[in-house]
Amino acid sequence: MMIHLNETDSTNRYLQQLCQEAGNNKVEEFTTICADYQTAGKGQRGNSWEAAKGANLLFSFVCYPTFVPIRQQFVLSQLISLGIKETLDEYCSDISIKWPNDIYWKEKKICGILIENDLQGNSIGRCISGIGLNINQEVFLSDAPNPISLKQITGKHYQRETILEKVMQRIEQSYQKLKEDSAYASELATRYAASLFRREGFHCYQDKDGLFNARLVRVEADGRFVLMDEANQERSYLFKEVQYVL
């Protein structure tokens, strides 16, 4: 089910409220809230998300991945980011996934994803994913360091609804495959690894001890980011423990 809003504070908040009101009846799986404009769109690390009214895709959807153990919840991040990355591959080249789930074109950010899981025992009771995907915006005014839109990349104007439909179709298909066969997680992990931003060579990172150069070794099943520094020492990080230096 698709619910279109002209304006809301946050599609994630709107969907969370719907779920709370539904209670035990549950909102239909893959109900999607899409807004032309958000007054308080949320990003990772508490950041806001800039989007000109009616220019981009701002949407959230809900699913109930109770078949995914808590320790494997990163597979949802892989699945969703691949759904967006592989859709954008149809329109331009040089799209990658910046760990854990930002979508980049070369060195610029075209999409942000915020995934909020509610845990239920040893599994995930509910997952709400909020996505901001820059489609037709021509000028960015915020102090965000590196935003870009699909129109800025290609010079073409796009039907947002068509791209949204393609993204959701990919995500739903992968979700059903994972639900039917847990072994599908290994294929997602392989595709994710091949799609990673700066997956080759040494690059600059920053952790609590400062700047360092390292190369990407792997991303573990739990989402742990493993680097090898110039002294041939492995460094392993959870989300928010290390940052790319752009």
C-alpha atoms as a PDB file:
ATOM      1  CA  MET A   1       0.000   0.000   0.000  1.00  0.00           C
ATOM      2  CA  MET A   2       1.269   3.466  -0.930  1.00  0.00           C
ATOM      3  CA  ILE A   3       0.297   6.582   1.021  1.00  0.00           C
ATOM      4  CA  HIS A   4       1.257   9.886  -0.604  1.00  0.00           C
ATOM      5  CA  LEU A   5       1.619  13.036   1.497  1.00  0.00           C
ATOM      6  CA  ASN A   6       2.192  16.576   0.297  1.00  0.00           C
ATOM      7  CA  GLU A   7       4.110  17.350   3.485  1.00  0.00           C
ATOM      8  CA  THR A   8       5.037  15.755   6.807  1.00  0.00           C
ATOM      9  CA  ASP A   9       7.684  16.259   9.460  1.00  0.00           C
ATOM     10  CA  SER A  10       9.246  12.842   8.809  1.00  0.00           C
ATOM     11  CA  THR A  11       7.988   9.829   6.864  1.00  0.00           C
ATOM     12  CA  ASN A  12       9.598   7.550   9.461  1.00  0.00           C
ATOM     13  CA  ARG A  13       7.722   9.291  12.281  1.00  0.00           C
ATOM     14  CA  TYR A  14       4.467   9.208  10.335  1.00  0.00           C
ATOM     15  CA  LEU A  15       4.809   5.477   9.717  1.00  0.00           C
ATOM     16  CA  GLN A  16       5.780   4.791  13.335  1.00  0.00           C
ATOM     17  CA  GLN A  17       2.618   6.588  14.429  1.00  0.00           C
ATOM     18  CA  LEU A  18       0.523   4.503  12.028  1.00  0.00           C
ATOM     19  CA  CYS A  19       2.042   1.324  13.466  1.00  0.00           C
ATOM     20  CA  GLN A  20       1.377   2.441  17.031  1.00  0.00           C
ATOM     21  CA  GLU A  21      -2.248   3.237  16.220  1.00  0.00           C
ATOM     22  CA  ALA A  22      -2.725  -0.132  14.501  1.00  0.00           C
ATOM     23  CA  GLY A  23      -1.489  -2.002  17.563  1.00  0.00           C
ATOM     24  CA  ASN A  24      -1.821  -5.768  17.281  1.00  0.00           C
ATOM     25  CA  ASN A  25      -3.590  -5.485  13.924  1.00  0.00           C
ATOM     26  CA  LYS A  26      -0.323  -4.373  12.315  1.00  0.00           C
ATOM     27  CA  VAL A  27       0.043  -2.079   9.338  1.00  0.00           C
ATOM     28  CA  GLU A  28       0.241  -4.087   6.110  1.00  0.00           C
ATOM     29  CA  GLU A  29       3.791  -5.179   5.312  1.00  0.00           C
ATOM     30  CA  PHE A  30       5.566  -2.906   2.824  1.00  0.00           C
ATOM     31  CA  THR A  31       3.128  -0.066   3.426  1.00  0.00           C
ATOM     32  CA  THR A  32       5.072   2.892   2.042  1.00  0.00           C
ATOM     33  CA  ILE A  33       4.747   6.545   3.023  1.00  0.00           C
ATOM     34  CA  CYS A  34       6.005   8.930   0.343  1.00  0.00           C
ATOM     35  CA  ALA A  35       6.126  12.704   0.872  1.00  0.00           C
ATOM     36  CA  ASP A  36       6.792  15.611  -1.481  1.00  0.00           C
ATOM     37  CA  TYR A  37       8.389  17.500   1.391  1.00  0.00           C
ATOM     38  CA  GLN A  38       9.663  16.813   4.902  1.00  0.00           C
ATOM     39  CA  THR A  39      10.017  19.552   7.499  1.00  0.00           C
ATOM     40  CA  ALA A  40      12.212  17.436   9.776  1.00  0.00           C
ATOM     41  CA  GLY A  41      13.622  14.574   7.739  1.00  0.00           C
ATOM     42  CA  LYS A  42      15.956  12.400   9.804  1.00  0.00           C
ATOM     43  CA  GLY A  43      19.357  11.099   8.761  1.00  0.00           C
ATOM     44  CA  GLN A  44      22.065   9.022  10.396  1.00  0.00           C
ATOM     45  CA  ARG A  45      23.906  10.517  13.399  1.00  0.00           C
ATOM     46  CA  GLY A  46      20.935  12.819  14.014  1.00  0.00           C
ATOM     47  CA  ASN A  47      21.551  14.809  10.834  1.00  0.00           C
ATOM     48  CA  SER A  48      18.761  16.428   8.841  1.00  0.00           C
ATOM     49  CA  TRP A  49      18.127  15.674   5.171  1.00  0.00           C
ATOM     50  CA  GLU A  50      17.797  18.531   2.682  1.00  0.00           C
ATOM     51  CA  ALA A  51      15.320  18.058  -0.163  1.00  0.00           C
ATOM     52  CA  ALA A  52      13.629  20.643  -2.354  1.00  0.00           C
ATOM     53  CA  LYS A  53       9.828  20.304  -2.411  1.00  0.00           C
ATOM     54  CA  GLY A  54       8.604  17.847  -5.030  1.00  0.00           C
ATOM     55  CA  ALA A  55      12.078  17.186  -6.447  1.00  0.00           C
ATOM     56  CA  ASN A  56      13.248  14.011  -4.748  1.00  0.00           C
ATOM     57  CA  LEU A  57      12.096  10.729  -3.271  1.00  0.00           C
ATOM     58  CA  LEU A  58      11.375  10.849   0.458  1.00  0.00           C
ATOM     59  CA  PHE A  59       9.795   7.631   1.651  1.00  0.00           C
ATOM     60  CA  SER A  60       9.588   5.068   4.425  1.00  0.00           C
ATOM     61  CA  PHE A  61       8.302   1.503   4.446  1.00  0.00           C
ATOM     62  CA  VAL A  62       7.602  -1.098   7.106  1.00  0.00           C
ATOM     63  CA  CYS A  63       8.310  -4.819   7.182  1.00  0.00           C
ATOM     64  CA  TYR A  64       8.258  -7.535   9.832  1.00  0.00           C
ATOM     65  CA  PRO A  65      11.433  -9.614   9.396  1.00  0.00           C
ATOM     66  CA  THR A  66      10.842 -11.945  12.343  1.00  0.00           C
ATOM     67  CA  PHE A  67      12.773 -14.619  10.413  1.00  0.00           C
ATOM     68  CA  VAL A  68      15.999 -12.581  10.761  1.00  0.00           C
ATOM     69  CA  PRO A  69      17.954 -13.258  13.990  1.00  0.00           C
ATOM     70  CA  ILE A  70      19.095 -10.136  15.818  1.00  0.00           C
ATOM     71  CA  ARG A  71      22.751 -11.032  15.279  1.00  0.00           C
ATOM     72  CA  GLN A  72      22.130 -11.033  11.507  1.00  0.00           C
ATOM     73  CA  GLN A  73      20.092  -7.816  11.257  1.00  0.00           C
ATOM     74  CA  PHE A  74      22.761  -6.165   9.077  1.00  0.00           C
ATOM     75  CA  VAL A  75      21.456  -8.281   6.192  1.00  0.00           C
ATOM     76  CA  LEU A  76      18.474  -5.901   6.027  1.00  0.00           C
ATOM     77  CA  SER A  77      20.825  -2.963   5.545  1.00  0.00           C
ATOM     78  CA  GLN A  78      22.581  -4.850   2.751  1.00  0.00           C
ATOM     79  CA  LEU A  79      19.306  -5.814   1.097  1.00  0.00           C
ATOM     80  CA  ILE A  80      17.865  -2.285   1.146  1.00  0.00           C
ATOM     81  CA  SER A  81      21.033  -0.502   0.038  1.00  0.00           C
ATOM     82  CA  LEU A  82      21.492  -2.986  -2.824  1.00  0.00           C
ATOM     83  CA  GLY A  83      17.899  -2.416  -3.922  1.00  0.00           C
ATOM     84  CA  ILE A  84      18.620   1.281  -4.335  1.00  0.00           C
ATOM     85  CA  LYS A  85      22.155   0.937  -5.723  1.00  0.00           C
ATOM     86  CA  GLU A  86      21.151  -1.611  -8.348  1.00  0.00           C
ATOM     87  CA  THR A  87      18.164   0.493  -9.411  1.00  0.00           C
ATOM     88  CA  LEU A  88      20.402   3.543  -9.876  1.00  0.00           C
ATOM     89  CA  ASP A  89      22.786   1.393 -11.927  1.00  0.00           C
ATOM     90  CA  GLU A  90      20.069   1.438 -14.616  1.00  0.00           C
ATOM     91  CA  TYR A  91      20.468   5.221 -14.947  1.00  0.00           C
ATOM     92  CA  CYS A  92      24.182   5.906 -14.481  1.00  0.00           C
ATOM     93  CA  SER A  93      27.521   4.288 -13.655  1.00  0.00           C
ATOM     94  CA  ASP A  94      29.868   4.747 -10.660  1.00  0.00           C
ATOM     95  CA  ILE A  95      27.211   4.093  -7.996  1.00  0.00           C
ATOM     96  CA  SER A  96      28.525   2.488  -4.789  1.00  0.00           C
ATOM     97  CA  ILE A  97      27.491   1.805  -1.191  1.00  0.00           C
ATOM     98  CA  LYS A  98      29.390   3.704   1.485  1.00  0.00           C
ATOM     99  CA  TRP A  99      29.392   1.550   4.604  1.00  0.00           C
ATOM    100  CA  PRO A 100      27.041   0.936   6.189  1.00  0.00           C
ATOM    101  CA  ASN A 101      24.338   2.080   3.759  1.00  0.00           C
ATOM    102  CA  ASP A 102      24.803   5.512   2.164  1.00  0.00           C
ATOM    103  CA  ILE A 103      24.576   5.483  -1.624  1.00  0.00           C
ATOM    104  CA  TYR A 104      27.284   7.382  -3.481  1.00  0.00           C
ATOM    105  CA  TRP A 105      28.017   8.482  -7.019  1.00  0.00           C
ATOM    106  CA  LYS A 106      31.805   8.749  -7.207  1.00  0.00           C
ATOM    107  CA  GLU A 107      32.651  10.898  -4.144  1.00  0.00           C
ATOM    108  CA  LYS A 108      29.196  12.427  -3.724  1.00  0.00           C
ATOM    109  CA  LYS A 109      26.145  11.316  -1.735  1.00  0.00           C
ATOM    110  CA  ILE A 110      22.961  10.676  -3.672  1.00  0.00           C
ATOM    111  CA  CYS A 111      20.975   8.732  -1.057  1.00  0.00           C
ATOM    112  CA  GLY A 112      20.749   8.298   2.692  1.00  0.00           C
ATOM    113  CA  ILE A 113      19.035   5.459   4.543  1.00  0.00           C
ATOM    114  CA  LEU A 114      17.847   5.334   8.155  1.00  0.00           C
ATOM    115  CA  ILE A 115      16.823   1.883   9.411  1.00  0.00           C
ATOM    116  CA  GLU A 116      15.043   1.593  12.750  1.00  0.00           C
ATOM    117  CA  ASN A 117      14.520  -1.931  14.082  1.00  0.00           C
ATOM    118  CA  ASP A 118      12.242  -2.903  16.952  1.00  0.00           C
ATOM    119  CA  LEU A 119      13.452  -6.120  18.554  1.00  0.00           C
ATOM    120  CA  GLN A 120      11.144  -8.928  19.609  1.00  0.00           C
ATOM    121  CA  GLY A 121      12.814 -11.670  21.629  1.00  0.00           C
ATOM    122  CA  ASN A 122      15.737 -12.983  19.580  1.00  0.00           C
ATOM    123  CA  SER A 123      14.496 -11.598  16.281  1.00  0.00           C
ATOM    124  CA  ILE A 124      13.350  -8.356  14.672  1.00  0.00           C
ATOM    125  CA  GLY A 125       9.687  -7.623  15.238  1.00  0.00           C
ATOM    126  CA  ARG A 126       9.441  -4.574  13.005  1.00  0.00           C
ATOM    127  CA  CYS A 127      11.738  -2.670  10.663  1.00  0.00           C
ATOM    128  CA  ILE A 128      10.997   0.855   9.442  1.00  0.00           C
ATOM    129  CA  SER A 129      13.346   2.126   6.753  1.00  0.00           C
ATOM    130  CA  GLY A 130      13.455   5.770   5.746  1.00  0.00           C
ATOM    131  CA  ILE A 131      15.084   6.750   2.457  1.00  0.00           C
ATOM    132  CA  GLY A 132      16.006  10.094   0.955  1.00  0.00           C
ATOM    133  CA  LEU A 133      17.021   9.727  -2.696  1.00  0.00           C
ATOM    134  CA  ASN A 134      18.027  12.819  -4.649  1.00  0.00           C
ATOM    135  CA  ILE A 135      16.342  12.683  -8.056  1.00  0.00           C
ATOM    136  CA  ASN A 136      15.598  16.053  -9.695  1.00  0.00           C
ATOM    137  CA  GLN A 137      17.075  18.641  -7.307  1.00  0.00           C
ATOM    138  CA  GLU A 138      19.334  21.078  -9.172  1.00  0.00           C
ATOM    139  CA  VAL A 139      20.790  23.169  -6.314  1.00  0.00           C
ATOM    140  CA  PHE A 140      21.639  22.182  -2.732  1.00  0.00           C
ATOM    141  CA  LEU A 141      21.718  24.993  -0.177  1.00  0.00           C
ATOM    142  CA  SER A 142      22.570  23.272   3.113  1.00  0.00           C
ATOM    143  CA  ASP A 143      26.081  22.865   4.493  1.00  0.00           C
ATOM    144  CA  ALA A 144      26.063  19.143   3.670  1.00  0.00           C
ATOM    145  CA  PRO A 145      29.512  18.514   2.201  1.00  0.00           C
ATOM    146  CA  ASN A 146      28.805  16.492  -0.935  1.00  0.00           C
ATOM    147  CA  PRO A 147      25.170  16.061  -2.067  1.00  0.00           C
ATOM    148  CA  ILE A 148      24.283  15.275  -5.662  1.00  0.00           C
ATOM    149  CA  SER A 149      21.126  14.301  -7.554  1.00  0.00           C
ATOM    150  CA  LEU A 150      20.476  11.986 -10.462  1.00  0.00           C
ATOM    151  CA  LYS A 151      19.546  14.988 -12.602  1.00  0.00           C
ATOM    152  CA  GLN A 152      22.869  16.670 -11.805  1.00  0.00           C
ATOM    153  CA  ILE A 153      24.679  13.511 -12.900  1.00  0.00           C
ATOM    154  CA  THR A 154      22.840  12.883 -16.166  1.00  0.00           C
ATOM    155  CA  GLY A 155      21.215  16.210 -17.024  1.00  0.00           C
ATOM    156  CA  LYS A 156      17.842  14.480 -17.369  1.00  0.00           C
ATOM    157  CA  HIS A 157      14.545  14.888 -15.509  1.00  0.00           C
ATOM    158  CA  TYR A 158      12.978  11.733 -14.044  1.00  0.00           C
ATOM    159  CA  GLN A 159       9.561  10.489 -12.977  1.00  0.00           C
ATOM    160  CA  ARG A 160      10.057   9.913  -9.266  1.00  0.00           C
ATOM    161  CA  GLU A 161       7.198   7.414  -9.041  1.00  0.00           C
ATOM    162  CA  THR A 162       8.825   5.144 -11.639  1.00  0.00           C
ATOM    163  CA  ILE A 163      12.096   5.006  -9.710  1.00  0.00           C
ATOM    164  CA  LEU A 164      10.278   4.416  -6.419  1.00  0.00           C
ATOM    165  CA  GLU A 165       8.362   1.516  -7.958  1.00  0.00           C
ATOM    166  CA  LYS A 166      11.599  -0.048  -9.232  1.00  0.00           C
ATOM    167  CA  VAL A 167      13.356   0.356  -5.867  1.00  0.00           C
ATOM    168  CA  MET A 168      10.496  -1.172  -3.901  1.00  0.00           C
ATOM    169  CA  GLN A 169      10.130  -4.032  -6.371  1.00  0.00           C
ATOM    170  CA  ARG A 170      13.794  -4.947  -5.967  1.00  0.00           C
ATOM    171  CA  ILE A 171      13.640  -4.687  -2.177  1.00  0.00           C
ATOM    172  CA  GLU A 172      10.476  -6.779  -1.901  1.00  0.00           C
ATOM    173  CA  GLN A 173      11.813  -9.472  -4.233  1.00  0.00           C
ATOM    174  CA  SER A 174      15.059  -9.783  -2.267  1.00  0.00           C
ATOM    175  CA  TYR A 175      13.147  -9.782   1.013  1.00  0.00           C
ATOM    176  CA  GLN A 176      10.940 -12.662  -0.145  1.00  0.00           C
ATOM    177  CA  LYS A 177      13.979 -14.635  -1.322  1.00  0.00           C
ATOM    178  CA  LEU A 178      15.638 -14.151   2.062  1.00  0.00           C
ATOM    179  CA  LYS A 179      12.449 -15.144   3.847  1.00  0.00           C
ATOM    180  CA  GLU A 180      12.206 -18.360   1.816  1.00  0.00           C
ATOM    181  CA  ASP A 181      15.894 -19.273   1.972  1.00  0.00           C
ATOM    182  CA  SER A 182      18.283 -17.967   4.630  1.00  0.00           C
ATOM    183  CA  ALA A 183      21.222 -19.018   2.411  1.00  0.00           C
ATOM    184  CA  TYR A 184      20.339 -16.069   0.157  1.00  0.00           C
ATOM    185  CA  ALA A 185      22.090 -13.897   2.748  1.00  0.00           C
ATOM    186  CA  SER A 186      25.465 -15.041   1.411  1.00  0.00           C
ATOM    187  CA  GLU A 187      24.577 -13.856  -2.096  1.00  0.00           C
ATOM    188  CA  LEU A 188      23.515 -10.479  -0.699  1.00  0.00           C
ATOM    189  CA  ALA A 189      26.799 -10.239   1.213  1.00  0.00           C
ATOM    190  CA  THR A 190      28.782 -10.963  -1.960  1.00  0.00           C
ATOM    191  CA  ARG A 191      26.915  -8.346  -3.997  1.00  0.00           C
ATOM    192  CA  TYR A 192      27.252  -5.854  -1.157  1.00  0.00           C
ATOM    193  CA  ALA A 193      31.024  -6.401  -0.917  1.00  0.00           C
ATOM    194  CA  ALA A 194      31.399  -5.891  -4.671  1.00  0.00           C
ATOM    195  CA  SER A 195      29.424  -2.630  -4.430  1.00  0.00           C
ATOM    196  CA  LEU A 196      31.350  -0.954  -1.623  1.00  0.00           C
ATOM    197  CA  PHE A 197      32.669   2.592  -1.848  1.00  0.00           C
ATOM    198  CA  ARG A 198      36.484   2.805  -1.935  1.00  0.00           C
ATOM    199  CA  ARG A 199      36.765  -0.977  -1.906  1.00  0.00           C
ATOM    200  CA  GLU A 200      40.232  -0.881  -3.468  1.00  0.00           C
ATOM    201  CA  GLY A 201      43.433   0.852  -2.382  1.00  0.00           C
ATOM    202  CA  PHE A 202      44.368   2.841   0.718  1.00  0.00           C
ATOM    203  CA  HIS A 203      42.158   5.698   1.905  1.00  0.00           C
ATOM    204  CA  CYS A 204      42.011   8.063   4.848  1.00  0.00           C
ATOM    205  CA  TYR A 205      39.797   7.249   7.854  1.00  0.00           C
ATOM    206  CA  GLN A 206      39.299   8.700  11.316  1.00  0.00           C
ATOM    207  CA  ASP A 207      38.583   6.910  14.579  1.00  0.00           C
ATOM    208  CA  LYS A 208      38.777   8.000  18.235  1.00  0.00           C
ATOM    209  CA  ASP A 209      42.586   8.050  17.991  1.00  0.00           C
ATOM    210  CA  GLY A 210      42.747  10.269  14.907  1.00  0.00           C
ATOM    211  CA  LEU A 211      43.465   9.988  11.203  1.00  0.00           C
ATOM    212  CA  PHE A 212      45.002   6.934   9.546  1.00  0.00           C
ATOM    213  CA  ASN A 213      45.309   5.328   6.120  1.00  0.00           C
ATOM    214  CA  ALA A 214      43.926   1.860   5.531  1.00  0.00           C
ATOM    215  CA  ARG A 215      42.424  -0.443   2.948  1.00  0.00           C
ATOM    216  CA  LEU A 216      39.132  -2.256   3.200  1.00  0.00           C
ATOM    217  CA  VAL A 217      39.434  -5.954   4.037  1.00  0.00           C
ATOM    218  CA  ARG A 218      35.818  -7.037   4.521  1.00  0.00           C
ATOM    219  CA  VAL A 219      32.494  -6.321   6.169  1.00  0.00           C
ATOM    220  CA  GLU A 220      31.482  -9.017   8.646  1.00  0.00           C
ATOM    221  CA  ALA A 221      28.006 -10.570   8.753  1.00  0.00           C
ATOM    222  CA  ASP A 222      27.172  -8.458  11.805  1.00  0.00           C
ATOM    223  CA  GLY A 223      28.099  -5.278   9.909  1.00  0.00           C
ATOM    224  CA  ARG A 224      31.537  -4.899  11.465  1.00  0.00           C
ATOM    225  CA  PHE A 225      33.863  -2.899   9.175  1.00  0.00           C
ATOM    226  CA  VAL A 226      37.365  -4.412   8.944  1.00  0.00           C
ATOM    227  CA  LEU A 227      40.328  -2.362   7.692  1.00  0.00           C
ATOM    228  CA  MET A 228      44.034  -3.081   7.301  1.00  0.00           C
ATOM    229  CA  ASP A 229      46.260  -0.116   8.148  1.00  0.00           C
ATOM    230  CA  GLU A 230      49.689   0.707   6.717  1.00  0.00           C
ATOM    231  CA  ALA A 231      51.364  -1.236   9.522  1.00  0.00           C
ATOM    232  CA  ASN A 232      49.462  -4.367   8.409  1.00  0.00           C
ATOM    233  CA  GLN A 233      47.293  -4.264  11.527  1.00  0.00           C
ATOM    234  CA  GLU A 234      43.633  -5.192  11.230  1.00  0.00           C
ATOM    235  CA  ARG A 235      41.225  -2.684  12.703  1.00  0.00           C
ATOM    236  CA  SER A 236      37.592  -3.652  13.277  1.00  0.00           C
ATOM    237  CA  TYR A 237      34.773  -1.165  13.825  1.00  0.00           C
ATOM    238  CA  LEU A 238      31.096  -1.074  14.558  1.00  0.00           C
ATOM    239  CA  PHE A 239      28.869   1.659  13.138  1.00  0.00           C
ATOM    240  CA  LYS A 240      29.850   5.180  14.287  1.00  0.00           C
ATOM    241  CA  GLU A 241      33.257   4.022  15.526  1.00  0.00           C
ATOM    242  CA  VAL A 242      35.075   5.076  12.335  1.00  0.00           C
ATOM    243  CA  GLN A 243      34.463   7.594   9.576  1.00  0.00           C
ATOM    244  CA  TYR A 244      35.639   7.991   6.024  1.00  0.00           C
ATOM    245  CA  VAL A 245      37.595  11.206   5.474  1.00  0.00           C
ATOM    246  CA  LEU A 246      36.102  12.663   2.300  1.00  0.00           C
END
